[in-house]
Amino acid sequence: MNIISTLWGIVVLLLAVLALFPLLGWANWFILILAVIGLIIGAFGKRRTGLILNGVAILIACLRLFIGGGII
């Protein structure tokens, strides 16, 4: 489960970096959903790497949504 969550977290973080560009802020809503799924998967593993990666992705997406007002 940890490998799946870690790979999931890496993909979500890459998508979060792409969503930092202007006019792509709406993609953060989808990134939040994907990161929460990865966070749930990572909670069942022994190691916490995937859990931390998905948690960081959630923080980045939430910060970007906060700055953009939820849409932009």
PDB file of N, CA and C in Angstrom:
ATOM      1  N   MET A   1       0.809  -1.193   0.000  1.00  0.00           N
ATOM      2  CA  MET A   1       0.000   0.000   0.000  1.00  0.00           C
ATOM      3  C   MET A   1       0.858   1.265   0.000  1.00  0.00           C
ATOM      4  N   ASN A   2       2.037   1.172   0.602  1.00  0.00           N
ATOM      5  CA  ASN A   2       2.895   2.346   0.684  1.00  0.00           C
ATOM      6  C   ASN A   2       3.419   2.745  -0.689  1.00  0.00           C
ATOM      7  N   ILE A   3       3.762   1.768  -1.519  1.00  0.00           N
ATOM      8  CA  ILE A   3       4.279   2.078  -2.852  1.00  0.00           C
ATOM      9  C   ILE A   3       3.202   2.765  -3.687  1.00  0.00           C
ATOM     10  N   ILE A   4       1.982   2.270  -3.602  1.00  0.00           N
ATOM     11  CA  ILE A   4       0.884   2.868  -4.347  1.00  0.00           C
ATOM     12  C   ILE A   4       0.648   4.308  -3.882  1.00  0.00           C
ATOM     13  N   SER A   5       0.631   4.511  -2.593  1.00  0.00           N
ATOM     14  CA  SER A   5       0.404   5.850  -2.052  1.00  0.00           C
ATOM     15  C   SER A   5       1.539   6.804  -2.397  1.00  0.00           C
ATOM     16  N   THR A   6       2.769   6.316  -2.385  1.00  0.00           N
ATOM     17  CA  THR A   6       3.909   7.162  -2.727  1.00  0.00           C
ATOM     18  C   THR A   6       3.862   7.568  -4.197  1.00  0.00           C
ATOM     19  N   LEU A   7       3.606   6.619  -5.077  1.00  0.00           N
ATOM     20  CA  LEU A   7       3.493   6.948  -6.502  1.00  0.00           C
ATOM     21  C   LEU A   7       2.314   7.884  -6.751  1.00  0.00           C
ATOM     22  N   TRP A   8       1.211   7.618  -6.080  1.00  0.00           N
ATOM     23  CA  TRP A   8       0.029   8.469  -6.187  1.00  0.00           C
ATOM     24  C   TRP A   8       0.374   9.894  -5.738  1.00  0.00           C
ATOM     25  N   GLY A   9       1.114  10.015  -4.638  1.00  0.00           N
ATOM     26  CA  GLY A   9       1.505  11.319  -4.120  1.00  0.00           C
ATOM     27  C   GLY A   9       2.424  12.079  -5.059  1.00  0.00           C
ATOM     28  N   ILE A  10       3.341  11.372  -5.700  1.00  0.00           N
ATOM     29  CA  ILE A  10       4.244  12.020  -6.657  1.00  0.00           C
ATOM     30  C   ILE A  10       3.461  12.569  -7.840  1.00  0.00           C
ATOM     31  N   VAL A  11       2.531  11.785  -8.356  1.00  0.00           N
ATOM     32  CA  VAL A  11       1.715  12.236  -9.486  1.00  0.00           C
ATOM     33  C   VAL A  11       0.862  13.438  -9.083  1.00  0.00           C
ATOM     34  N   VAL A  12       0.265  13.377  -7.908  1.00  0.00           N
ATOM     35  CA  VAL A  12      -0.582  14.477  -7.448  1.00  0.00           C
ATOM     36  C   VAL A  12       0.256  15.738  -7.219  1.00  0.00           C
ATOM     37  N   LEU A  13       1.455  15.590  -6.695  1.00  0.00           N
ATOM     38  CA  LEU A  13       2.323  16.766  -6.510  1.00  0.00           C
ATOM     39  C   LEU A  13       2.716  17.380  -7.848  1.00  0.00           C
ATOM     40  N   LEU A  14       2.981  16.561  -8.846  1.00  0.00           N
ATOM     41  CA  LEU A  14       3.289  17.100 -10.174  1.00  0.00           C
ATOM     42  C   LEU A  14       2.092  17.849 -10.754  1.00  0.00           C
ATOM     43  N   LEU A  15       0.906  17.297 -10.556  1.00  0.00           N
ATOM     44  CA  LEU A  15      -0.296  17.991 -11.013  1.00  0.00           C
ATOM     45  C   LEU A  15      -0.509  19.289 -10.239  1.00  0.00           C
ATOM     46  N   ALA A  16      -0.173  19.286  -8.960  1.00  0.00           N
ATOM     47  CA  ALA A  16      -0.316  20.493  -8.146  1.00  0.00           C
ATOM     48  C   ALA A  16       0.630  21.590  -8.630  1.00  0.00           C
ATOM     49  N   VAL A  17       1.811  21.213  -9.053  1.00  0.00           N
ATOM     50  CA  VAL A  17       2.753  22.202  -9.588  1.00  0.00           C
ATOM     51  C   VAL A  17       2.209  22.783 -10.890  1.00  0.00           C
ATOM     52  N   LEU A  18       1.613  21.952 -11.731  1.00  0.00           N
ATOM     53  CA  LEU A  18       1.025  22.463 -12.966  1.00  0.00           C
ATOM     54  C   LEU A  18      -0.155  23.390 -12.682  1.00  0.00           C
ATOM     55  N   ALA A  19      -0.895  23.103 -11.624  1.00  0.00           N
ATOM     56  CA  ALA A  19      -2.064  23.921 -11.287  1.00  0.00           C
ATOM     57  C   ALA A  19      -1.688  25.257 -10.666  1.00  0.00           C
ATOM     58  N   LEU A  20      -0.405  25.498 -10.425  1.00  0.00           N
ATOM     59  CA  LEU A  20       0.027  26.794  -9.907  1.00  0.00           C
ATOM     60  C   LEU A  20       0.028  27.876 -10.986  1.00  0.00           C
ATOM     61  N   PHE A  21      -0.024  27.462 -12.263  1.00  0.00           N
ATOM     62  CA  PHE A  21      -0.059  28.432 -13.354  1.00  0.00           C
ATOM     63  C   PHE A  21      -1.396  29.182 -13.333  1.00  0.00           C
ATOM     64  N   PRO A  22      -1.380  30.431 -13.773  1.00  0.00           N
ATOM     65  CA  PRO A  22      -2.624  31.203 -13.797  1.00  0.00           C
ATOM     66  C   PRO A  22      -3.689  30.526 -14.669  1.00  0.00           C
ATOM     67  N   LEU A  23      -4.921  30.696 -14.275  1.00  0.00           N
ATOM     68  CA  LEU A  23      -6.113  30.159 -14.942  1.00  0.00           C
ATOM     69  C   LEU A  23      -6.227  28.637 -14.864  1.00  0.00           C
ATOM     70  N   LEU A  24      -5.382  27.992 -14.076  1.00  0.00           N
ATOM     71  CA  LEU A  24      -5.515  26.550 -13.850  1.00  0.00           C
ATOM     72  C   LEU A  24      -5.837  26.249 -12.388  1.00  0.00           C
ATOM     73  N   GLY A  25      -6.248  27.258 -11.662  1.00  0.00           N
ATOM     74  CA  GLY A  25      -6.554  27.083 -10.257  1.00  0.00           C
ATOM     75  C   GLY A  25      -7.732  26.164 -10.006  1.00  0.00           C
ATOM     76  N   TRP A  26      -8.657  26.070 -10.958  1.00  0.00           N
ATOM     77  CA  TRP A  26      -9.805  25.182 -10.820  1.00  0.00           C
ATOM     78  C   TRP A  26      -9.378  23.730 -10.728  1.00  0.00           C
ATOM     79  N   ALA A  27      -8.199  23.388 -11.251  1.00  0.00           N
ATOM     80  CA  ALA A  27      -7.708  22.008 -11.210  1.00  0.00           C
ATOM     81  C   ALA A  27      -7.373  21.582  -9.779  1.00  0.00           C
ATOM     82  N   ASN A  28      -7.183  22.535  -8.884  1.00  0.00           N
ATOM     83  CA  ASN A  28      -6.871  22.200  -7.497  1.00  0.00           C
ATOM     84  C   ASN A  28      -8.019  21.479  -6.803  1.00  0.00           C
ATOM     85  N   TRP A  29      -9.246  21.702  -7.242  1.00  0.00           N
ATOM     86  CA  TRP A  29     -10.372  20.965  -6.656  1.00  0.00           C
ATOM     87  C   TRP A  29     -10.237  19.476  -6.947  1.00  0.00           C
ATOM     88  N   PHE A  30      -9.806  19.122  -8.154  1.00  0.00           N
ATOM     89  CA  PHE A  30      -9.604  17.710  -8.503  1.00  0.00           C
ATOM     90  C   PHE A  30      -8.372  17.152  -7.800  1.00  0.00           C
ATOM     91  N   ILE A  31      -7.362  17.991  -7.668  1.00  0.00           N
ATOM     92  CA  ILE A  31      -6.143  17.565  -6.980  1.00  0.00           C
ATOM     93  C   ILE A  31      -6.438  17.270  -5.516  1.00  0.00           C
ATOM     94  N   LEU A  32      -7.297  18.067  -4.901  1.00  0.00           N
ATOM     95  CA  LEU A  32      -7.680  17.806  -3.510  1.00  0.00           C
ATOM     96  C   LEU A  32      -8.349  16.436  -3.365  1.00  0.00           C
ATOM     97  N   ILE A  33      -9.238  16.109  -4.279  1.00  0.00           N
ATOM     98  CA  ILE A  33      -9.911  14.812  -4.232  1.00  0.00           C
ATOM     99  C   ILE A  33      -8.907  13.680  -4.397  1.00  0.00           C
ATOM    100  N   LEU A  34      -8.013  13.810  -5.374  1.00  0.00           N
ATOM    101  CA  LEU A  34      -7.003  12.770  -5.602  1.00  0.00           C
ATOM    102  C   LEU A  34      -6.057  12.633  -4.413  1.00  0.00           C
ATOM    103  N   ALA A  35      -5.679  13.752  -3.816  1.00  0.00           N
ATOM    104  CA  ALA A  35      -4.759  13.711  -2.679  1.00  0.00           C
ATOM    105  C   ALA A  35      -5.417  13.092  -1.442  1.00  0.00           C
ATOM    106  N   VAL A  36      -6.692  13.337  -1.250  1.00  0.00           N
ATOM    107  CA  VAL A  36      -7.393  12.724  -0.117  1.00  0.00           C
ATOM    108  C   VAL A  36      -7.478  11.214  -0.308  1.00  0.00           C
ATOM    109  N   ILE A  37      -7.723  10.766  -1.528  1.00  0.00           N
ATOM    110  CA  ILE A  37      -7.732   9.324  -1.813  1.00  0.00           C
ATOM    111  C   ILE A  37      -6.358   8.732  -1.516  1.00  0.00           C
ATOM    112  N   GLY A  38      -5.295   9.400  -1.955  1.00  0.00           N
ATOM    113  CA  GLY A  38      -3.940   8.941  -1.665  1.00  0.00           C
ATOM    114  C   GLY A  38      -3.625   8.958  -0.184  1.00  0.00           C
ATOM    115  N   LEU A  39      -4.159   9.936   0.524  1.00  0.00           N
ATOM    116  CA  LEU A  39      -3.969  10.024   1.972  1.00  0.00           C
ATOM    117  C   LEU A  39      -4.633   8.845   2.673  1.00  0.00           C
ATOM    118  N   ILE A  40      -5.802   8.473   2.224  1.00  0.00           N
ATOM    119  CA  ILE A  40      -6.498   7.327   2.811  1.00  0.00           C
ATOM    120  C   ILE A  40      -5.734   6.043   2.531  1.00  0.00           C
ATOM    121  N   ILE A  41      -5.237   5.887   1.310  1.00  0.00           N
ATOM    122  CA  ILE A  41      -4.446   4.698   0.968  1.00  0.00           C
ATOM    123  C   ILE A  41      -3.165   4.662   1.795  1.00  0.00           C
ATOM    124  N   GLY A  42      -2.525   5.811   1.966  1.00  0.00           N
ATOM    125  CA  GLY A  42      -1.283   5.885   2.730  1.00  0.00           C
ATOM    126  C   GLY A  42      -1.456   5.623   4.210  1.00  0.00           C
ATOM    127  N   ALA A  43      -2.666   5.806   4.717  1.00  0.00           N
ATOM    128  CA  ALA A  43      -2.915   5.572   6.139  1.00  0.00           C
ATOM    129  C   ALA A  43      -2.836   4.092   6.487  1.00  0.00           C
ATOM    130  N   PHE A  44      -2.983   3.208   5.502  1.00  0.00           N
ATOM    131  CA  PHE A  44      -2.958   1.776   5.754  1.00  0.00           C
ATOM    132  C   PHE A  44      -1.564   1.176   5.650  1.00  0.00           C
ATOM    133  N   GLY A  45      -0.591   1.953   5.190  1.00  0.00           N
ATOM    134  CA  GLY A  45       0.771   1.452   5.049  1.00  0.00           C
ATOM    135  C   GLY A  45       1.565   1.547   6.337  1.00  0.00           C
ATOM    136  N   LYS A  46       2.687   0.843   6.356  1.00  0.00           N
ATOM    137  CA  LYS A  46       3.569   0.882   7.529  1.00  0.00           C
ATOM    138  C   LYS A  46       4.371   2.175   7.565  1.00  0.00           C
ATOM    139  N   ARG A  47       4.883   2.587   6.427  1.00  0.00           N
ATOM    140  CA  ARG A  47       5.670   3.819   6.357  1.00  0.00           C
ATOM    141  C   ARG A  47       4.761   5.001   6.093  1.00  0.00           C
ATOM    142  N   ARG A  48       5.265   6.177   6.338  1.00  0.00           N
ATOM    143  CA  ARG A  48       4.456   7.388   6.221  1.00  0.00           C
ATOM    144  C   ARG A  48       4.842   8.254   5.029  1.00  0.00           C
ATOM    145  N   THR A  49       5.630   7.739   4.095  1.00  0.00           N
ATOM    146  CA  THR A  49       6.088   8.541   2.961  1.00  0.00           C
ATOM    147  C   THR A  49       4.922   9.000   2.094  1.00  0.00           C
ATOM    148  N   GLY A  50       4.066   8.089   1.698  1.00  0.00           N
ATOM    149  CA  GLY A  50       2.914   8.437   0.869  1.00  0.00           C
ATOM    150  C   GLY A  50       1.953   9.348   1.596  1.00  0.00           C
ATOM    151  N   LEU A  51       1.813   9.125   2.884  1.00  0.00           N
ATOM    152  CA  LEU A  51       0.936   9.958   3.697  1.00  0.00           C
ATOM    153  C   LEU A  51       1.435  11.402   3.711  1.00  0.00           C
ATOM    154  N   ILE A  52       2.727  11.573   3.856  1.00  0.00           N
ATOM    155  CA  ILE A  52       3.320  12.914   3.888  1.00  0.00           C
ATOM    156  C   ILE A  52       3.237  13.579   2.515  1.00  0.00           C
ATOM    157  N   LEU A  53       3.514  12.846   1.444  1.00  0.00           N
ATOM    158  CA  LEU A  53       3.447  13.423   0.098  1.00  0.00           C
ATOM    159  C   LEU A  53       2.038  13.912  -0.218  1.00  0.00           C
ATOM    160  N   ASN A  54       1.061  13.090   0.096  1.00  0.00           N
ATOM    161  CA  ASN A  54      -0.315  13.496  -0.173  1.00  0.00           C
ATOM    162  C   ASN A  54      -0.752  14.633   0.742  1.00  0.00           C
ATOM    163  N   GLY A  55      -0.259  14.658   1.959  1.00  0.00           N
ATOM    164  CA  GLY A  55      -0.559  15.763   2.857  1.00  0.00           C
ATOM    165  C   GLY A  55       0.010  17.082   2.360  1.00  0.00           C
ATOM    166  N   VAL A  56       1.220  17.031   1.823  1.00  0.00           N
ATOM    167  CA  VAL A  56       1.842  18.237   1.249  1.00  0.00           C
ATOM    168  C   VAL A  56       1.051  18.701   0.028  1.00  0.00           C
ATOM    169  N   ALA A  57       0.594  17.756  -0.790  1.00  0.00           N
ATOM    170  CA  ALA A  57      -0.208  18.114  -1.962  1.00  0.00           C
ATOM    171  C   ALA A  57      -1.512  18.776  -1.537  1.00  0.00           C
ATOM    172  N   ILE A  58      -2.124  18.300  -0.457  1.00  0.00           N
ATOM    173  CA  ILE A  58      -3.347  18.916   0.054  1.00  0.00           C
ATOM    174  C   ILE A  58      -3.065  20.336   0.525  1.00  0.00           C
ATOM    175  N   LEU A  59      -1.965  20.526   1.228  1.00  0.00           N
ATOM    176  CA  LEU A  59      -1.615  21.868   1.703  1.00  0.00           C
ATOM    177  C   LEU A  59      -1.361  22.831   0.551  1.00  0.00           C
ATOM    178  N   ILE A  60      -0.653  22.376  -0.471  1.00  0.00           N
ATOM    179  CA  ILE A  60      -0.377  23.226  -1.642  1.00  0.00           C
ATOM    180  C   ILE A  60      -1.669  23.599  -2.349  1.00  0.00           C
ATOM    181  N   ALA A  61      -2.544  22.621  -2.556  1.00  0.00           N
ATOM    182  CA  ALA A  61      -3.803  22.883  -3.251  1.00  0.00           C
ATOM    183  C   ALA A  61      -4.690  23.822  -2.438  1.00  0.00           C
ATOM    184  N   CYS A  62      -4.755  23.618  -1.131  1.00  0.00           N
ATOM    185  CA  CYS A  62      -5.576  24.494  -0.283  1.00  0.00           C
ATOM    186  C   CYS A  62      -5.026  25.913  -0.266  1.00  0.00           C
ATOM    187  N   LEU A  63      -3.713  26.055  -0.191  1.00  0.00           N
ATOM    188  CA  LEU A  63      -3.108  27.385  -0.207  1.00  0.00           C
ATOM    189  C   LEU A  63      -3.385  28.094  -1.527  1.00  0.00           C
ATOM    190  N   ARG A  64      -3.258  27.363  -2.625  1.00  0.00           N
ATOM    191  CA  ARG A  64      -3.511  27.954  -3.940  1.00  0.00           C
ATOM    192  C   ARG A  64      -4.977  28.355  -4.089  1.00  0.00           C
ATOM    193  N   LEU A  65      -5.886  27.533  -3.585  1.00  0.00           N
ATOM    194  CA  LEU A  65      -7.305  27.889  -3.640  1.00  0.00           C
ATOM    195  C   LEU A  65      -7.607  29.096  -2.758  1.00  0.00           C
ATOM    196  N   PHE A  66      -6.948  29.174  -1.610  1.00  0.00           N
ATOM    197  CA  PHE A  66      -7.143  30.308  -0.710  1.00  0.00           C
ATOM    198  C   PHE A  66      -6.681  31.598  -1.365  1.00  0.00           C
ATOM    199  N   ILE A  67      -5.524  31.550  -2.007  1.00  0.00           N
ATOM    200  CA  ILE A  67      -4.981  32.742  -2.661  1.00  0.00           C
ATOM    201  C   ILE A  67      -5.845  33.160  -3.849  1.00  0.00           C
ATOM    202  N   GLY A  68      -6.309  32.183  -4.612  1.00  0.00           N
ATOM    203  CA  GLY A  68      -7.101  32.481  -5.801  1.00  0.00           C
ATOM    204  C   GLY A  68      -8.571  32.703  -5.544  1.00  0.00           C
ATOM    205  N   GLY A  69      -9.013  32.617  -4.324  1.00  0.00           N
ATOM    206  CA  GLY A  69     -10.422  32.830  -4.023  1.00  0.00           C
ATOM    207  C   GLY A  69     -11.293  31.639  -4.325  1.00  0.00           C
ATOM    208  N   GLY A  70     -10.704  30.474  -4.527  1.00  0.00           N
ATOM    209  CA  GLY A  70     -11.473  29.260  -4.755  1.00  0.00           C
ATOM    210  C   GLY A  70     -11.707  28.905  -6.201  1.00  0.00           C
ATOM    211  N   ILE A  71     -11.431  29.805  -7.115  1.00  0.00           N
ATOM    212  CA  ILE A  71     -11.714  29.526  -8.526  1.00  0.00           C
ATOM    213  C   ILE A  71     -10.475  29.681  -9.391  1.00  0.00           C
ATOM    214  N   ILE A  72      -9.872  30.835  -9.354  1.00  0.00           N
ATOM    215  CA  ILE A  72      -8.808  31.167 -10.306  1.00  0.00           C
ATOM    216  C   ILE A  72      -7.475  30.618  -9.855  1.00  0.00           C
TER     217      ILE A  72
END
